[in-house]
Protein backbone atom coordinates (compact mmCIF):
# COMPACT_ATOMS: atom_id res chain seq x y z
CA MET A 1 -67.41 81.71 176.19
CA ALA A 2 -67.70 85.48 176.75
CA TRP A 3 -71.49 85.33 176.38
CA LEU A 4 -71.64 83.13 179.48
CA SER A 5 -70.13 85.89 181.63
CA PHE A 6 -72.89 88.29 180.53
CA SER A 7 -75.80 85.86 180.98
CA ILE A 8 -76.36 86.41 184.72
CA PRO A 9 -76.14 90.23 184.60
CA GLY A 10 -78.33 90.19 181.50
CA ALA A 11 -80.90 88.02 183.27
CA VAL A 12 -80.91 90.41 186.24
CA LEU A 13 -81.44 93.41 183.97
CA LEU A 14 -84.23 91.59 182.15
CA LEU A 15 -85.82 90.72 185.50
CA MET A 16 -85.68 94.37 186.59
CA ALA A 17 -87.30 95.46 183.32
CA VAL A 18 -90.11 92.91 183.69
CA ALA A 19 -90.68 93.92 187.33
CA ALA A 20 -90.84 97.62 186.37
CA PHE A 21 -93.33 96.81 183.61
CA GLU A 22 -95.49 94.82 186.04
CA LEU A 23 -95.47 97.59 188.64
CA ALA A 24 -96.42 100.30 186.17
CA PRO A 25 -100.03 101.35 186.74
CA ARG A 26 -102.41 99.89 184.23
CA LYS A 27 -105.86 101.32 183.56
CA ARG A 28 -106.80 98.65 181.04
CA ARG A 29 -107.06 95.63 183.30
CA LYS A 30 -106.08 94.31 186.66
CA ARG A 31 -104.11 91.10 186.86
CA SER A 32 -104.49 88.62 189.65
CA GLY A 33 -102.02 86.02 190.77
CA THR A 34 -98.29 85.96 191.16
CA PRO A 35 -96.30 88.41 189.03
CA VAL A 36 -93.87 86.91 186.52
CA SER A 37 -90.88 88.56 188.19
CA ALA A 38 -91.74 87.00 191.57
CA THR A 39 -92.09 83.59 189.94
CA TYR A 40 -88.71 84.03 188.24
CA ILE A 41 -87.01 84.99 191.52
CA ASN A 42 -88.60 82.04 193.32
CA GLU A 43 -87.47 79.58 190.65
CA VAL A 44 -83.91 80.92 190.56
CA THR A 45 -83.75 80.76 194.36
CA ALA A 46 -85.09 77.19 194.27
CA LEU A 47 -82.31 76.30 191.84
CA PHE A 48 -79.67 77.17 194.45
CA TYR A 49 -81.54 76.27 197.67
CA GLY A 50 -83.37 72.95 197.96
CA SER A 51 -85.41 74.18 200.92
CA LYS A 52 -86.96 76.88 198.73
CA ARG A 53 -88.24 74.17 196.37
CA MET A 54 -89.88 72.42 199.32
CA GLU A 55 -91.41 75.74 200.43
CA LEU A 56 -92.83 76.41 196.96
CA ASP A 57 -94.26 72.89 196.73
CA HIS A 58 -95.83 73.26 200.17
CA ARG A 59 -97.31 76.64 199.22
CA ASP A 60 -98.79 75.12 196.05
CA SER A 61 -100.33 72.22 197.95
CA GLN A 62 -101.77 74.57 200.60
CA SER A 63 -103.39 76.73 197.94
CA LEU A 64 -105.20 73.67 196.58
CA MET A 65 -106.58 72.59 199.95
CA ARG A 66 -110.08 73.58 200.97
CA ASP A 67 -110.48 75.82 204.01
CA GLU A 68 -112.37 74.04 206.75
CA ASP A 69 -114.26 75.68 209.58
CA ALA A 70 -112.34 75.76 212.82
CA GLN A 71 -112.75 72.64 214.89
CA GLY A 72 -114.10 72.95 218.39
CA ALA A 73 -117.09 75.11 219.15
CA PRO A 74 -120.11 74.91 216.86
CA PRO A 75 -120.56 77.81 214.46
CA LYS A 76 -122.59 80.80 215.66
CA MET A 77 -124.87 80.58 212.65
CA GLY A 78 -125.75 77.68 210.41
CA VAL A 79 -128.27 77.06 207.64
CA ASP A 80 -129.73 73.64 206.90
CA LEU A 81 -131.25 73.91 203.42
CA GLU A 82 -132.74 70.42 203.44
CA ARG A 83 -134.85 71.01 206.53
CA GLY A 84 -135.28 74.76 206.03
CA VAL A 85 -133.84 75.57 209.46
CA VAL A 86 -131.56 78.42 210.47
CA VAL A 87 -129.60 78.03 213.71
CA MET A 88 -128.37 81.19 215.45
CA ARG A 89 -126.47 81.08 218.73
CA PRO A 90 -125.91 84.21 220.86
CA GLU A 91 -122.36 85.24 221.63
CA ASP A 92 -121.07 84.28 225.04
CA PRO A 93 -119.79 87.31 227.00
CA GLN A 94 -116.43 86.48 228.53
């Protein structure tokens, strides 16, 4: 049962080592995306707080959604490839 008392401090030390490794400058390659240490912290926080799980699920669903142009005014420039027409509107001084 003594190993259980060292599991949380050991996990924290392992997390700090992984975070330090990820922050070390690398000349070989650049990684994109979420670092492993940030993912670990998010998952541990979601274990204790249900609202964090909802936040992570919402963030995942938002990252999968396509960005749409803003609704309202027509765009200042548009290209219609089928007709071969370019539409350019001057900016309105306000």
